[in-house]
Amino acid sequence: MNARTLYERLLDHDGPYEDDIDRWLAGPEAPGYRDRLRTAAVHHTSWWADKDAGGQRLVEELYALSRVADVLLLDPQLPLYLGLFTALGMAPFESAARFDPFLHEIVEVERAEDPQAPIEILDVRWPGLMLGELLFNRAGVRVRAGAAHAERGVADHFPLYWTFHRAHRPTCDLSHGWGGNSQWRTDFRLDYRTAGGDLLNVAEAGSVDGRPDLGHYRDLGPEERLLTPAERRELLRHRCLLRTPEAAGELAASPGWERELFPYEWRLPDGEA
């Protein structure tokens, strides 16, 4: 039982997908599969670094499941999306009272007249999913915001990183451009909401110490260095930029720079939540 198999079945036709999902969930390996997913539910012992316990394979399996979620959100087929992932032990959420970049992915921006107006959720397009402390998928939201916080045409159109596919905007994913087998060795981004605070992009499979600290200027490419520290943190937190960068003129000298960034190994400086 693996999510790549389900993903490929879903791509074989345009739906309905109920029978494919039901057969996959009814497989004899399903109980063990759910137990395996629960290993990732708590940030505690750096489970992803334990190769003997299948940490690398589980990170890749979570990535494959995220591709399944992408397919079900294209239509969208929300009952199937919720049915599948709740059956796997995930908890849906909408949390529409206050915008939170950990929980919410901006789908559409309505410009507020006051440029200083904070980001306000207008409606939820799809619910998010948590697996214990682990964020599996953010809720998609339509928002209203002043230009000082989120610009229409940027926050909802800038390439969305750590994402394979969205119907409404370009995406950038480490699997893009790889072959039929190699792409499935992509790591799932691990974000945890814990009692001690949020942990973003905590570690790559096989690494105990985590990814390079975003605070280390030497780890950045030339276009990334043109982003301000606040813009780089914005990209890590939101998985996209929300406003035109301050160095837009200089960045324009590198056509397509928006898709050439490499934030996949970024993490916040130690002690910064």
C-alpha atoms as a PDB file:
ATOM      1  CA  MET A   1       0.000   0.000   0.000  1.00  0.00           C
ATOM      2  CA  ASN A   2       1.533   3.292  -1.077  1.00  0.00           C
ATOM      3  CA  ALA A   3       0.248   6.690  -2.126  1.00  0.00           C
ATOM      4  CA  ARG A   4       2.060   6.712  -5.452  1.00  0.00           C
ATOM      5  CA  THR A   5      -0.132   3.807  -6.585  1.00  0.00           C
ATOM      6  CA  LEU A   6      -3.278   5.705  -5.633  1.00  0.00           C
ATOM      7  CA  TYR A   7      -2.040   8.892  -7.298  1.00  0.00           C
ATOM      8  CA  GLU A   8      -1.392   7.087 -10.571  1.00  0.00           C
ATOM      9  CA  ARG A   9      -4.817   5.438 -10.445  1.00  0.00           C
ATOM     10  CA  LEU A  10      -6.470   8.828 -10.002  1.00  0.00           C
ATOM     11  CA  LEU A  11      -4.604  10.189 -13.023  1.00  0.00           C
ATOM     12  CA  ASP A  12      -5.851   7.321 -15.179  1.00  0.00           C
ATOM     13  CA  HIS A  13      -9.280   8.928 -15.500  1.00  0.00           C
ATOM     14  CA  ASP A  14     -11.202  12.114 -14.751  1.00  0.00           C
ATOM     15  CA  GLY A  15     -13.267  10.641 -11.943  1.00  0.00           C
ATOM     16  CA  PRO A  16     -15.337   9.867 -10.064  1.00  0.00           C
ATOM     17  CA  TYR A  17     -12.590   8.583  -7.786  1.00  0.00           C
ATOM     18  CA  GLU A  18     -14.676   6.959  -5.047  1.00  0.00           C
ATOM     19  CA  ASP A  19     -14.042   3.386  -6.114  1.00  0.00           C
ATOM     20  CA  ASP A  20     -10.287   3.910  -6.459  1.00  0.00           C
ATOM     21  CA  ILE A  21     -10.043   5.453  -3.006  1.00  0.00           C
ATOM     22  CA  ASP A  22     -12.312   2.875  -1.370  1.00  0.00           C
ATOM     23  CA  ARG A  23     -10.326  -0.022  -2.831  1.00  0.00           C
ATOM     24  CA  TRP A  24      -7.050   1.551  -1.751  1.00  0.00           C
ATOM     25  CA  LEU A  25      -8.286   2.158   1.803  1.00  0.00           C
ATOM     26  CA  ALA A  26      -9.664  -1.358   2.025  1.00  0.00           C
ATOM     27  CA  GLY A  27      -6.316  -2.981   1.246  1.00  0.00           C
ATOM     28  CA  PRO A  28      -5.002  -5.533   3.734  1.00  0.00           C
ATOM     29  CA  GLU A  29      -2.057  -3.276   4.627  1.00  0.00           C
ATOM     30  CA  ALA A  30      -4.270  -0.336   5.628  1.00  0.00           C
ATOM     31  CA  PRO A  31      -4.071  -0.711   9.446  1.00  0.00           C
ATOM     32  CA  GLY A  32      -0.285  -0.907   9.383  1.00  0.00           C
ATOM     33  CA  TYR A  33      -0.173   2.045   6.994  1.00  0.00           C
ATOM     34  CA  ARG A  34      -2.126   4.232   9.414  1.00  0.00           C
ATOM     35  CA  ASP A  35       0.173   3.195  12.267  1.00  0.00           C
ATOM     36  CA  ARG A  36       3.148   4.093  10.121  1.00  0.00           C
ATOM     37  CA  LEU A  37       1.750   7.571   9.443  1.00  0.00           C
ATOM     38  CA  ARG A  38       1.244   8.156  13.167  1.00  0.00           C
ATOM     39  CA  THR A  39       5.011   7.919  13.597  1.00  0.00           C
ATOM     40  CA  ALA A  40       5.193  11.371  11.993  1.00  0.00           C
ATOM     41  CA  ALA A  41       2.483  12.920  14.155  1.00  0.00           C
ATOM     42  CA  VAL A  42       4.739  14.150  16.976  1.00  0.00           C
ATOM     43  CA  HIS A  43       7.966  16.102  16.758  1.00  0.00           C
ATOM     44  CA  HIS A  44      10.050  14.403  19.398  1.00  0.00           C
ATOM     45  CA  THR A  45      12.843  12.018  18.453  1.00  0.00           C
ATOM     46  CA  SER A  46      13.784  13.197  14.964  1.00  0.00           C
ATOM     47  CA  TRP A  47      12.050  10.122  13.523  1.00  0.00           C
ATOM     48  CA  TRP A  48      12.905  11.271   9.993  1.00  0.00           C
ATOM     49  CA  ALA A  49      16.607  10.694  10.656  1.00  0.00           C
ATOM     50  CA  ASP A  50      16.141   7.048  11.659  1.00  0.00           C
ATOM     51  CA  LYS A  51      16.797   5.220   8.408  1.00  0.00           C
ATOM     52  CA  ASP A  52      16.541   1.813  10.075  1.00  0.00           C
ATOM     53  CA  ALA A  53      12.998   2.658  11.172  1.00  0.00           C
ATOM     54  CA  GLY A  54      12.072   3.856   7.677  1.00  0.00           C
ATOM     55  CA  GLY A  55      12.310   7.581   8.314  1.00  0.00           C
ATOM     56  CA  GLN A  56      13.354   8.392   4.757  1.00  0.00           C
ATOM     57  CA  ARG A  57      10.601   6.219   3.280  1.00  0.00           C
ATOM     58  CA  LEU A  58       7.974   7.839   5.500  1.00  0.00           C
ATOM     59  CA  VAL A  59       9.028  11.361   4.465  1.00  0.00           C
ATOM     60  CA  GLU A  60       8.699  10.274   0.833  1.00  0.00           C
ATOM     61  CA  GLU A  61       5.341   8.596   1.499  1.00  0.00           C
ATOM     62  CA  LEU A  62       3.994  11.792   3.041  1.00  0.00           C
ATOM     63  CA  TYR A  63       5.135  13.602  -0.093  1.00  0.00           C
ATOM     64  CA  ALA A  64       3.280  11.098  -2.287  1.00  0.00           C
ATOM     65  CA  LEU A  65       0.151  11.607  -0.169  1.00  0.00           C
ATOM     66  CA  SER A  66       0.475  15.358  -0.711  1.00  0.00           C
ATOM     67  CA  ARG A  67       0.363  14.716  -4.456  1.00  0.00           C
ATOM     68  CA  VAL A  68      -2.882  12.793  -3.973  1.00  0.00           C
ATOM     69  CA  ALA A  69      -4.276  15.782  -2.068  1.00  0.00           C
ATOM     70  CA  ASP A  70      -3.269  18.062  -4.958  1.00  0.00           C
ATOM     71  CA  VAL A  71      -5.304  15.940  -7.393  1.00  0.00           C
ATOM     72  CA  LEU A  72      -8.389  15.989  -5.179  1.00  0.00           C
ATOM     73  CA  LEU A  73      -8.159  19.770  -4.797  1.00  0.00           C
ATOM     74  CA  LEU A  74      -8.054  20.400  -8.538  1.00  0.00           C
ATOM     75  CA  ASP A  75     -11.762  19.718  -9.117  1.00  0.00           C
ATOM     76  CA  PRO A  76     -12.167  20.202  -6.125  1.00  0.00           C
ATOM     77  CA  GLN A  77     -13.560  16.971  -4.715  1.00  0.00           C
ATOM     78  CA  LEU A  78     -13.741  18.017  -1.087  1.00  0.00           C
ATOM     79  CA  PRO A  79     -15.844  15.097   0.224  1.00  0.00           C
ATOM     80  CA  LEU A  80     -13.286  12.635  -1.164  1.00  0.00           C
ATOM     81  CA  TYR A  81     -10.392  14.767   0.092  1.00  0.00           C
ATOM     82  CA  LEU A  82     -11.842  14.799   3.598  1.00  0.00           C
ATOM     83  CA  GLY A  83     -12.971  11.180   3.506  1.00  0.00           C
ATOM     84  CA  LEU A  84      -9.584   9.842   2.445  1.00  0.00           C
ATOM     85  CA  PHE A  85      -7.415  11.789   4.834  1.00  0.00           C
ATOM     86  CA  THR A  86      -9.657  11.503   7.882  1.00  0.00           C
ATOM     87  CA  ALA A  87      -9.665   7.750   7.262  1.00  0.00           C
ATOM     88  CA  LEU A  88      -5.871   7.927   7.497  1.00  0.00           C
ATOM     89  CA  GLY A  89      -6.077   9.608  10.892  1.00  0.00           C
ATOM     90  CA  MET A  90      -5.798  13.271   9.934  1.00  0.00           C
ATOM     91  CA  ALA A  91      -7.922  16.025  11.487  1.00  0.00           C
ATOM     92  CA  PRO A  92      -9.457  18.704   9.216  1.00  0.00           C
ATOM     93  CA  PHE A  93      -9.521  22.357  10.245  1.00  0.00           C
ATOM     94  CA  GLU A  94     -10.657  25.679   8.823  1.00  0.00           C
ATOM     95  CA  SER A  95      -9.651  28.138  11.572  1.00  0.00           C
ATOM     96  CA  ALA A  96     -11.181  31.069   9.719  1.00  0.00           C
ATOM     97  CA  ALA A  97     -11.219  33.522  12.628  1.00  0.00           C
ATOM     98  CA  ARG A  98      -7.690  34.839  12.082  1.00  0.00           C
ATOM     99  CA  PHE A  99      -5.200  34.492   9.244  1.00  0.00           C
ATOM    100  CA  ASP A 100      -2.224  32.333  10.177  1.00  0.00           C
ATOM    101  CA  PRO A 101       0.483  31.543   7.586  1.00  0.00           C
ATOM    102  CA  PHE A 102       1.162  28.239   9.308  1.00  0.00           C
ATOM    103  CA  LEU A 103      -2.430  27.159   8.702  1.00  0.00           C
ATOM    104  CA  HIS A 104      -3.559  29.134   5.661  1.00  0.00           C
ATOM    105  CA  GLU A 105      -2.603  29.244   1.995  1.00  0.00           C
ATOM    106  CA  ILE A 106      -3.754  32.361   0.162  1.00  0.00           C
ATOM    107  CA  VAL A 107      -5.813  31.499  -2.915  1.00  0.00           C
ATOM    108  CA  GLU A 108      -7.178  34.929  -3.806  1.00  0.00           C
ATOM    109  CA  VAL A 109      -6.597  38.476  -2.554  1.00  0.00           C
ATOM    110  CA  GLU A 110      -9.167  41.260  -2.472  1.00  0.00           C
ATOM    111  CA  ARG A 111      -7.469  44.633  -2.050  1.00  0.00           C
ATOM    112  CA  ALA A 112      -8.494  46.664   0.981  1.00  0.00           C
ATOM    113  CA  GLU A 113      -8.736  50.440   0.576  1.00  0.00           C
ATOM    114  CA  ASP A 114      -6.526  51.013   3.602  1.00  0.00           C
ATOM    115  CA  PRO A 115      -2.999  49.852   2.633  1.00  0.00           C
ATOM    116  CA  GLN A 116      -2.283  49.080   6.296  1.00  0.00           C
ATOM    117  CA  ALA A 117      -5.313  46.803   6.708  1.00  0.00           C
ATOM    118  CA  PRO A 118      -4.169  43.405   8.029  1.00  0.00           C
ATOM    119  CA  ILE A 119      -4.891  40.164   6.215  1.00  0.00           C
ATOM    120  CA  GLU A 120      -8.487  39.129   6.858  1.00  0.00           C
ATOM    121  CA  ILE A 121     -10.026  35.789   5.858  1.00  0.00           C
ATOM    122  CA  LEU A 122     -13.182  36.166   3.746  1.00  0.00           C
ATOM    123  CA  ASP A 123     -13.904  32.498   3.128  1.00  0.00           C
ATOM    124  CA  VAL A 124     -12.286  29.070   3.176  1.00  0.00           C
ATOM    125  CA  ARG A 125     -12.002  27.284  -0.167  1.00  0.00           C
ATOM    126  CA  TRP A 126     -10.806  23.982   1.290  1.00  0.00           C
ATOM    127  CA  PRO A 127     -10.028  22.781   4.818  1.00  0.00           C
ATOM    128  CA  GLY A 128      -6.514  22.088   6.018  1.00  0.00           C
ATOM    129  CA  LEU A 129      -5.307  18.839   7.563  1.00  0.00           C
ATOM    130  CA  MET A 130      -3.207  18.086  10.636  1.00  0.00           C
ATOM    131  CA  LEU A 131      -1.636  14.752  11.526  1.00  0.00           C
ATOM    132  CA  GLY A 132      -1.187  15.264  15.234  1.00  0.00           C
ATOM    133  CA  GLU A 133       1.326  18.109  15.534  1.00  0.00           C
ATOM    134  CA  LEU A 134       2.364  17.786  11.882  1.00  0.00           C
ATOM    135  CA  LEU A 135       0.850  20.114   9.305  1.00  0.00           C
ATOM    136  CA  PHE A 136      -0.109  17.998   6.306  1.00  0.00           C
ATOM    137  CA  ASN A 137      -1.950  20.588   4.210  1.00  0.00           C
ATOM    138  CA  ARG A 138      -2.887  24.217   4.761  1.00  0.00           C
ATOM    139  CA  ALA A 139      -6.436  25.466   4.341  1.00  0.00           C
ATOM    140  CA  GLY A 140      -7.005  27.454   1.152  1.00  0.00           C
ATOM    141  CA  VAL A 141      -8.432  30.908   1.852  1.00  0.00           C
ATOM    142  CA  ARG A 142      -9.653  34.016   0.073  1.00  0.00           C
ATOM    143  CA  VAL A 143      -8.519  37.125   1.905  1.00  0.00           C
ATOM    144  CA  ARG A 144      -8.802  40.891   2.002  1.00  0.00           C
ATOM    145  CA  ALA A 145      -5.642  42.836   2.792  1.00  0.00           C
ATOM    146  CA  GLY A 146      -3.954  46.188   2.500  1.00  0.00           C
ATOM    147  CA  ALA A 147      -1.059  46.375   0.055  1.00  0.00           C
ATOM    148  CA  ALA A 148       1.409  46.747   2.919  1.00  0.00           C
ATOM    149  CA  HIS A 149       0.573  43.175   3.984  1.00  0.00           C
ATOM    150  CA  ALA A 150      -0.429  41.263   0.846  1.00  0.00           C
ATOM    151  CA  GLU A 151      -0.658  42.480  -2.748  1.00  0.00           C
ATOM    152  CA  ARG A 152      -3.247  41.188  -5.175  1.00  0.00           C
ATOM    153  CA  GLY A 153      -1.321  39.637  -8.065  1.00  0.00           C
ATOM    154  CA  VAL A 154       1.648  38.730  -5.864  1.00  0.00           C
ATOM    155  CA  ALA A 155       0.327  36.910  -2.799  1.00  0.00           C
ATOM    156  CA  ASP A 156      -2.076  34.915  -4.984  1.00  0.00           C
ATOM    157  CA  HIS A 157       0.106  34.550  -8.129  1.00  0.00           C
ATOM    158  CA  PHE A 158       3.716  34.263  -7.014  1.00  0.00           C
ATOM    159  CA  PRO A 159       4.938  30.653  -7.502  1.00  0.00           C
ATOM    160  CA  LEU A 160       3.927  28.515  -4.541  1.00  0.00           C
ATOM    161  CA  TYR A 161       6.957  26.571  -3.295  1.00  0.00           C
ATOM    162  CA  TRP A 162       6.894  23.073  -1.772  1.00  0.00           C
ATOM    163  CA  THR A 163       3.820  22.405  -3.926  1.00  0.00           C
ATOM    164  CA  PHE A 164       3.450  20.109  -6.926  1.00  0.00           C
ATOM    165  CA  HIS A 165       0.302  21.530  -8.523  1.00  0.00           C
ATOM    166  CA  ARG A 166      -2.442  24.103  -8.052  1.00  0.00           C
ATOM    167  CA  ALA A 167      -5.141  24.996 -10.546  1.00  0.00           C
ATOM    168  CA  HIS A 168      -4.969  28.749  -9.921  1.00  0.00           C
ATOM    169  CA  ARG A 169      -1.243  29.575  -9.775  1.00  0.00           C
ATOM    170  CA  PRO A 170       2.270  28.421 -10.721  1.00  0.00           C
ATOM    171  CA  THR A 171       4.077  26.094  -8.347  1.00  0.00           C
ATOM    172  CA  CYS A 172       7.653  25.052  -7.620  1.00  0.00           C
ATOM    173  CA  ASP A 173       8.508  21.643  -6.255  1.00  0.00           C
ATOM    174  CA  LEU A 174      11.740  19.692  -5.939  1.00  0.00           C
ATOM    175  CA  SER A 175      10.210  16.866  -7.978  1.00  0.00           C
ATOM    176  CA  HIS A 176       9.656  19.070 -11.036  1.00  0.00           C
ATOM    177  CA  GLY A 177      11.887  18.047 -13.915  1.00  0.00           C
ATOM    178  CA  TRP A 178      12.832  14.639 -12.518  1.00  0.00           C
ATOM    179  CA  GLY A 179      12.032  11.294 -14.109  1.00  0.00           C
ATOM    180  CA  GLY A 180       9.152   8.976 -13.371  1.00  0.00           C
ATOM    181  CA  ASN A 181      10.894   7.251 -10.484  1.00  0.00           C
ATOM    182  CA  SER A 182      13.303   9.904  -9.227  1.00  0.00           C
ATOM    183  CA  GLN A 183      10.541  12.422  -8.520  1.00  0.00           C
ATOM    184  CA  TRP A 184       9.080  10.130  -5.860  1.00  0.00           C
ATOM    185  CA  ARG A 185      12.191  10.449  -3.715  1.00  0.00           C
ATOM    186  CA  THR A 186      11.201  14.035  -2.894  1.00  0.00           C
ATOM    187  CA  ASP A 187      11.026  14.954   0.790  1.00  0.00           C
ATOM    188  CA  PHE A 188       7.801  16.215   2.326  1.00  0.00           C
ATOM    189  CA  ARG A 189       8.226  19.540   4.131  1.00  0.00           C
ATOM    190  CA  LEU A 190       7.910  18.934   7.872  1.00  0.00           C
ATOM    191  CA  ASP A 191       6.186  21.763   9.787  1.00  0.00           C
ATOM    192  CA  TYR A 192       5.104  21.147  13.382  1.00  0.00           C
ATOM    193  CA  ARG A 193       2.862  23.143  15.722  1.00  0.00           C
ATOM    194  CA  THR A 194       4.021  22.185  19.198  1.00  0.00           C
ATOM    195  CA  ALA A 195       3.395  23.422  22.723  1.00  0.00           C
ATOM    196  CA  GLY A 196       6.733  25.197  22.508  1.00  0.00           C
ATOM    197  CA  GLY A 197       5.965  26.966  19.220  1.00  0.00           C
ATOM    198  CA  ASP A 198       5.959  26.382  15.473  1.00  0.00           C
ATOM    199  CA  LEU A 199       8.818  24.492  13.840  1.00  0.00           C
ATOM    200  CA  LEU A 200       9.194  25.101  10.102  1.00  0.00           C
ATOM    201  CA  ASN A 201      10.927  22.841   7.593  1.00  0.00           C
ATOM    202  CA  VAL A 202      12.575  21.173  10.550  1.00  0.00           C
ATOM    203  CA  ALA A 203      14.907  18.679   8.940  1.00  0.00           C
ATOM    204  CA  GLU A 204      15.677  16.639   5.891  1.00  0.00           C
ATOM    205  CA  ALA A 205      15.444  12.875   6.073  1.00  0.00           C
ATOM    206  CA  GLY A 206      18.703  11.473   7.343  1.00  0.00           C
ATOM    207  CA  SER A 207      19.790  14.691   9.036  1.00  0.00           C
ATOM    208  CA  VAL A 208      19.666  15.237  12.783  1.00  0.00           C
ATOM    209  CA  ASP A 209      20.947  18.808  12.748  1.00  0.00           C
ATOM    210  CA  GLY A 210      18.422  20.071  10.216  1.00  0.00           C
ATOM    211  CA  ARG A 211      18.783  22.270   7.199  1.00  0.00           C
ATOM    212  CA  PRO A 212      20.975  25.324   6.719  1.00  0.00           C
ATOM    213  CA  ASP A 213      20.003  28.257   8.911  1.00  0.00           C
ATOM    214  CA  LEU A 214      18.232  30.993   6.930  1.00  0.00           C
ATOM    215  CA  GLY A 215      20.263  33.469   8.922  1.00  0.00           C
ATOM    216  CA  HIS A 216      23.506  32.358   7.240  1.00  0.00           C
ATOM    217  CA  TYR A 217      23.958  34.712   4.301  1.00  0.00           C
ATOM    218  CA  ARG A 218      26.629  32.471   2.764  1.00  0.00           C
ATOM    219  CA  ASP A 219      24.047  29.743   2.080  1.00  0.00           C
ATOM    220  CA  LEU A 220      22.033  31.961  -0.282  1.00  0.00           C
ATOM    221  CA  GLY A 221      22.127  32.242  -4.062  1.00  0.00           C
ATOM    222  CA  PRO A 222      22.565  35.611  -5.831  1.00  0.00           C
ATOM    223  CA  GLU A 223      18.828  36.235  -6.338  1.00  0.00           C
ATOM    224  CA  GLU A 224      18.063  35.125  -2.795  1.00  0.00           C
ATOM    225  CA  ARG A 225      20.592  37.635  -1.469  1.00  0.00           C
ATOM    226  CA  LEU A 226      18.637  40.391  -3.174  1.00  0.00           C
ATOM    227  CA  LEU A 227      15.642  39.576  -1.009  1.00  0.00           C
ATOM    228  CA  THR A 228      15.591  41.292   2.361  1.00  0.00           C
ATOM    229  CA  PRO A 229      15.772  39.120   5.505  1.00  0.00           C
ATOM    230  CA  ALA A 230      12.067  39.846   6.071  1.00  0.00           C
ATOM    231  CA  GLU A 231      11.231  38.732   2.516  1.00  0.00           C
ATOM    232  CA  ARG A 232      13.181  35.515   2.934  1.00  0.00           C
ATOM    233  CA  ARG A 233      11.321  34.757   6.146  1.00  0.00           C
ATOM    234  CA  GLU A 234       8.061  35.580   4.373  1.00  0.00           C
ATOM    235  CA  LEU A 235       8.900  33.075   1.644  1.00  0.00           C
ATOM    236  CA  LEU A 236       9.665  30.382   4.203  1.00  0.00           C
ATOM    237  CA  ARG A 237       6.548  31.021   6.268  1.00  0.00           C
ATOM    238  CA  HIS A 238       4.044  31.569   3.438  1.00  0.00           C
ATOM    239  CA  ARG A 239       5.808  29.419   0.797  1.00  0.00           C
ATOM    240  CA  CYS A 240       5.590  32.437  -1.507  1.00  0.00           C
ATOM    241  CA  LEU A 241       6.173  36.185  -1.430  1.00  0.00           C
ATOM    242  CA  LEU A 242       3.210  38.371  -0.536  1.00  0.00           C
ATOM    243  CA  ARG A 243       4.456  41.702  -1.917  1.00  0.00           C
ATOM    244  CA  THR A 244       6.694  43.036  -4.665  1.00  0.00           C
ATOM    245  CA  PRO A 245      10.263  42.712  -3.337  1.00  0.00           C
ATOM    246  CA  GLU A 246      12.234  45.859  -2.594  1.00  0.00           C
ATOM    247  CA  ALA A 247      14.906  44.860  -5.135  1.00  0.00           C
ATOM    248  CA  ALA A 248      12.393  44.198  -7.923  1.00  0.00           C
ATOM    249  CA  GLY A 249      14.418  46.316 -10.367  1.00  0.00           C
ATOM    250  CA  GLU A 250      17.622  44.377  -9.792  1.00  0.00           C
ATOM    251  CA  LEU A 251      15.800  41.043  -9.835  1.00  0.00           C
ATOM    252  CA  ALA A 252      14.248  41.939 -13.200  1.00  0.00           C
ATOM    253  CA  ALA A 253      17.721  41.499 -14.691  1.00  0.00           C
ATOM    254  CA  SER A 254      17.262  37.737 -14.051  1.00  0.00           C
ATOM    255  CA  PRO A 255      14.103  36.802 -16.011  1.00  0.00           C
ATOM    256  CA  GLY A 256      12.192  34.006 -14.304  1.00  0.00           C
ATOM    257  CA  TRP A 257      13.928  34.556 -10.967  1.00  0.00           C
ATOM    258  CA  GLU A 258      10.642  33.868  -9.162  1.00  0.00           C
ATOM    259  CA  ARG A 259      10.912  30.174 -10.048  1.00  0.00           C
ATOM    260  CA  GLU A 260      14.667  29.868  -9.564  1.00  0.00           C
ATOM    261  CA  LEU A 261      14.879  30.359  -5.815  1.00  0.00           C
ATOM    262  CA  PHE A 262      15.927  27.436  -3.657  1.00  0.00           C
ATOM    263  CA  PRO A 263      14.292  27.792  -0.233  1.00  0.00           C
ATOM    264  CA  TYR A 264      13.870  24.041   0.286  1.00  0.00           C
ATOM    265  CA  GLU A 265      16.772  23.846   2.699  1.00  0.00           C
ATOM    266  CA  TRP A 266      15.974  26.993   4.651  1.00  0.00           C
ATOM    267  CA  ARG A 267      15.055  27.050   8.285  1.00  0.00           C
ATOM    268  CA  LEU A 268      14.594  29.896  10.728  1.00  0.00           C
ATOM    269  CA  PRO A 269      17.559  30.983  12.848  1.00  0.00           C
ATOM    270  CA  ASP A 270      17.841  29.133  16.155  1.00  0.00           C
ATOM    271  CA  GLY A 271      15.407  30.455  18.707  1.00  0.00           C
ATOM    272  CA  GLU A 272      13.140  32.192  16.167  1.00  0.00           C
ATOM    273  CA  ALA A 273       9.631  30.790  15.966  1.00  0.00           C
END
